[in-house]
Structure formats: C-alpha cells, structure tokens
Amino acid sequence: MNIITFRVTDEEKTVIQALADLNGLSLSEFAKTKLLERLENQVDMALYEQAIKSHELNDESISYQELFRELGL
C-alpha cells in the first residue's frame, strides 16, 4: 500500500478530523474516501459532457406525439 502526504494548517486538520469523527472514520479513511468521491464525480461529469456533445451531433430525439404515433397510442 502506498502513502500520500499533504500539508494542512492546524485549523484545516481540526475541521477534517471533526468531520472524520462525525462519520465514524479515521482521518486517513475519511480523506481517501472524500478524495476518491470527488474524482469519481469529475469523471462522471466529463462522461456526461461527452455524451451531451455526442447527442447534439446526432440528435435522434422525437416528441411525445411522435412517440405515441409510433406506438399506435
């Protein structure tokens, strides 16, 4: 297992430790979890933006009325 170190002020450490305690996690586990969640959110947003651009280039949307007609409703 690898170790990553970063510097924080005393105040930042106090806040991070309090949040870790509130969540029942060690400081290390809390920091790792929050970092990975944030990175996952960034990946999700990048994939969403890519999908939107792709959709805009090849928009195959239809209206509700067209859908109902196609389904015979």
N, C-alpha and C. Protein backbone atom coordinates (compact mmCIF):
# COMPACT_ATOMS: atom_id res chain seq x y z
N MET A 1 0.85 -1.17 0.00
CA MET A 1 0.00 0.00 0.00
C MET A 1 0.89 1.23 0.00
N ASN A 2 0.45 2.25 -0.73
CA ASN A 2 1.22 3.49 -0.84
C ASN A 2 0.73 4.52 0.17
N ILE A 3 1.59 5.49 0.43
CA ILE A 3 1.25 6.59 1.34
C ILE A 3 1.35 7.88 0.56
N ILE A 4 0.33 8.72 0.68
CA ILE A 4 0.33 10.06 0.08
C ILE A 4 0.25 11.05 1.23
N THR A 5 1.11 12.05 1.21
CA THR A 5 1.15 13.04 2.27
C THR A 5 0.84 14.41 1.71
N PHE A 6 0.05 15.20 2.43
CA PHE A 6 -0.18 16.58 2.04
C PHE A 6 -0.26 17.43 3.29
N ARG A 7 0.08 18.69 3.14
CA ARG A 7 0.14 19.60 4.29
C ARG A 7 -1.18 20.36 4.44
N VAL A 8 -1.59 20.52 5.68
CA VAL A 8 -2.77 21.32 6.02
C VAL A 8 -2.43 22.18 7.23
N THR A 9 -3.18 23.25 7.40
CA THR A 9 -2.99 24.09 8.58
C THR A 9 -3.58 23.36 9.79
N ASP A 10 -3.27 23.84 10.98
CA ASP A 10 -3.85 23.26 12.20
C ASP A 10 -5.38 23.36 12.16
N GLU A 11 -5.88 24.49 11.68
CA GLU A 11 -7.33 24.68 11.61
C GLU A 11 -7.96 23.69 10.63
N GLU A 12 -7.33 23.51 9.48
CA GLU A 12 -7.85 22.55 8.49
C GLU A 12 -7.86 21.13 9.05
N LYS A 13 -6.79 20.78 9.75
CA LYS A 13 -6.74 19.44 10.35
C LYS A 13 -7.84 19.25 11.37
N THR A 14 -8.09 20.27 12.16
CA THR A 14 -9.15 20.20 13.17
C THR A 14 -10.51 19.96 12.51
N VAL A 15 -10.77 20.69 11.44
CA VAL A 15 -12.05 20.54 10.73
C VAL A 15 -12.15 19.16 10.09
N ILE A 16 -11.09 18.73 9.42
CA ILE A 16 -11.11 17.42 8.76
C ILE A 16 -11.26 16.31 9.80
N GLN A 17 -10.56 16.42 10.90
CA GLN A 17 -10.67 15.41 11.96
C GLN A 17 -12.08 15.37 12.53
N ALA A 18 -12.69 16.54 12.74
CA ALA A 18 -14.05 16.59 13.26
C ALA A 18 -15.03 15.92 12.30
N LEU A 19 -14.86 16.16 11.01
CA LEU A 19 -15.74 15.53 10.02
C LEU A 19 -15.51 14.02 9.95
N ALA A 20 -14.26 13.62 10.07
CA ALA A 20 -13.96 12.18 10.09
C ALA A 20 -14.62 11.53 11.30
N ASP A 21 -14.49 12.15 12.47
CA ASP A 21 -15.12 11.64 13.69
C ASP A 21 -16.64 11.55 13.52
N LEU A 22 -17.22 12.59 12.94
CA LEU A 22 -18.66 12.63 12.72
C LEU A 22 -19.13 11.47 11.85
N ASN A 23 -18.27 11.07 10.91
CA ASN A 23 -18.60 9.97 10.01
C ASN A 23 -18.11 8.62 10.50
N GLY A 24 -17.50 8.60 11.68
CA GLY A 24 -17.01 7.34 12.24
C GLY A 24 -15.86 6.74 11.48
N LEU A 25 -15.02 7.60 10.90
CA LEU A 25 -13.89 7.13 10.10
C LEU A 25 -12.59 7.69 10.66
N SER A 26 -11.51 7.00 10.38
CA SER A 26 -10.20 7.56 10.71
C SER A 26 -9.95 8.74 9.78
N LEU A 27 -9.03 9.58 10.17
CA LEU A 27 -8.68 10.73 9.35
C LEU A 27 -8.25 10.28 7.97
N SER A 28 -7.42 9.25 7.91
CA SER A 28 -6.91 8.72 6.65
C SER A 28 -8.04 8.19 5.77
N GLU A 29 -8.92 7.38 6.35
CA GLU A 29 -10.01 6.79 5.58
C GLU A 29 -10.98 7.88 5.10
N PHE A 30 -11.25 8.87 5.93
CA PHE A 30 -12.14 9.96 5.54
C PHE A 30 -11.54 10.73 4.36
N ALA A 31 -10.26 11.11 4.46
CA ALA A 31 -9.62 11.88 3.40
C ALA A 31 -9.60 11.08 2.10
N LYS A 32 -9.26 9.80 2.19
CA LYS A 32 -9.21 8.95 1.00
C LYS A 32 -10.58 8.83 0.36
N THR A 33 -11.60 8.59 1.18
CA THR A 33 -12.96 8.42 0.67
C THR A 33 -13.44 9.69 -0.02
N LYS A 34 -13.25 10.83 0.60
CA LYS A 34 -13.70 12.09 0.02
C LYS A 34 -12.95 12.42 -1.26
N LEU A 35 -11.65 12.16 -1.29
CA LEU A 35 -10.86 12.41 -2.49
C LEU A 35 -11.35 11.53 -3.64
N LEU A 36 -11.55 10.24 -3.38
CA LEU A 36 -12.00 9.33 -4.43
C LEU A 36 -13.41 9.66 -4.90
N GLU A 37 -14.29 10.09 -3.98
CA GLU A 37 -15.64 10.51 -4.38
C GLU A 37 -15.57 11.71 -5.32
N ARG A 38 -14.73 12.67 -4.98
CA ARG A 38 -14.59 13.87 -5.80
C ARG A 38 -14.05 13.53 -7.19
N LEU A 39 -13.06 12.65 -7.24
CA LEU A 39 -12.50 12.25 -8.52
C LEU A 39 -13.53 11.51 -9.36
N GLU A 40 -14.32 10.64 -8.73
CA GLU A 40 -15.37 9.91 -9.44
C GLU A 40 -16.41 10.89 -9.99
N ASN A 41 -16.76 11.90 -9.22
CA ASN A 41 -17.71 12.90 -9.69
C ASN A 41 -17.18 13.65 -10.91
N GLN A 42 -15.88 13.94 -10.91
CA GLN A 42 -15.28 14.62 -12.05
C GLN A 42 -15.31 13.74 -13.29
N VAL A 43 -15.02 12.46 -13.12
CA VAL A 43 -15.08 11.52 -14.25
C VAL A 43 -16.51 11.42 -14.76
N ASP A 44 -17.48 11.31 -13.85
CA ASP A 44 -18.89 11.24 -14.25
C ASP A 44 -19.29 12.48 -15.04
N MET A 45 -18.87 13.66 -14.59
CA MET A 45 -19.22 14.90 -15.28
C MET A 45 -18.58 14.94 -16.67
N ALA A 46 -17.34 14.52 -16.77
CA ALA A 46 -16.67 14.50 -18.08
C ALA A 46 -17.39 13.55 -19.04
N LEU A 47 -17.80 12.38 -18.56
CA LEU A 47 -18.53 11.44 -19.40
C LEU A 47 -19.89 11.99 -19.80
N TYR A 48 -20.57 12.67 -18.87
CA TYR A 48 -21.85 13.30 -19.17
C TYR A 48 -21.69 14.36 -20.27
N GLU A 49 -20.69 15.22 -20.12
CA GLU A 49 -20.46 16.28 -21.10
C GLU A 49 -20.14 15.68 -22.47
N GLN A 50 -19.38 14.59 -22.48
CA GLN A 50 -19.05 13.90 -23.73
C GLN A 50 -20.32 13.33 -24.36
N ALA A 51 -21.20 12.74 -23.55
CA ALA A 51 -22.45 12.18 -24.06
C ALA A 51 -23.35 13.28 -24.62
N ILE A 52 -23.42 14.42 -23.94
CA ILE A 52 -24.24 15.53 -24.41
C ILE A 52 -23.73 16.02 -25.76
N LYS A 53 -22.42 16.18 -25.91
CA LYS A 53 -21.85 16.63 -27.19
C LYS A 53 -22.17 15.63 -28.29
N SER A 54 -22.05 14.34 -27.98
CA SER A 54 -22.36 13.30 -28.95
C SER A 54 -23.83 13.36 -29.35
N HIS A 55 -24.69 13.56 -28.37
CA HIS A 55 -26.13 13.65 -28.64
C HIS A 55 -26.45 14.87 -29.51
N GLU A 56 -25.79 15.98 -29.24
CA GLU A 56 -26.03 17.19 -30.03
C GLU A 56 -25.61 17.00 -31.48
N LEU A 57 -24.57 16.20 -31.72
CA LEU A 57 -24.11 15.94 -33.08
C LEU A 57 -25.02 14.98 -33.83
N ASN A 58 -25.69 14.11 -33.08
CA ASN A 58 -26.53 13.09 -33.70
C ASN A 58 -27.85 12.97 -32.92
N ASP A 59 -28.61 14.05 -32.93
CA ASP A 59 -29.85 14.11 -32.15
C ASP A 59 -30.95 13.30 -32.83
N GLU A 60 -31.38 12.24 -32.15
CA GLU A 60 -32.44 11.39 -32.67
C GLU A 60 -33.70 11.51 -31.81
N SER A 61 -33.84 12.64 -31.13
CA SER A 61 -34.99 12.85 -30.25
C SER A 61 -36.27 12.96 -31.06
N ILE A 62 -37.37 12.53 -30.44
CA ILE A 62 -38.68 12.70 -31.05
C ILE A 62 -39.62 13.24 -29.97
N SER A 63 -40.70 13.87 -30.40
CA SER A 63 -41.65 14.43 -29.45
C SER A 63 -42.52 13.31 -28.88
N TYR A 64 -43.24 13.65 -27.80
CA TYR A 64 -44.18 12.69 -27.23
C TYR A 64 -45.23 12.29 -28.25
N GLN A 65 -45.69 13.28 -29.03
CA GLN A 65 -46.70 12.98 -30.03
C GLN A 65 -46.18 11.98 -31.05
N GLU A 66 -44.94 12.15 -31.50
CA GLU A 66 -44.36 11.21 -32.46
C GLU A 66 -44.21 9.82 -31.83
N LEU A 67 -43.81 9.78 -30.58
CA LEU A 67 -43.67 8.50 -29.88
C LEU A 67 -45.01 7.79 -29.78
N PHE A 68 -46.06 8.52 -29.40
CA PHE A 68 -47.39 7.94 -29.29
C PHE A 68 -47.87 7.41 -30.64
N ARG A 69 -47.60 8.19 -31.71
CA ARG A 69 -47.99 7.74 -33.06
C ARG A 69 -47.26 6.44 -33.40
N GLU A 70 -45.96 6.38 -33.14
CA GLU A 70 -45.17 5.17 -33.45
C GLU A 70 -45.67 3.97 -32.67
N LEU A 71 -46.14 4.21 -31.45
CA LEU A 71 -46.63 3.12 -30.61
C LEU A 71 -48.11 2.82 -30.85
N GLY A 72 -48.75 3.63 -31.71
CA GLY A 72 -50.16 3.42 -32.00
C GLY A 72 -51.07 3.81 -30.86
N LEU A 73 -50.66 4.77 -30.07
CA LEU A 73 -51.46 5.21 -28.92
C LEU A 73 -52.23 6.48 -29.22
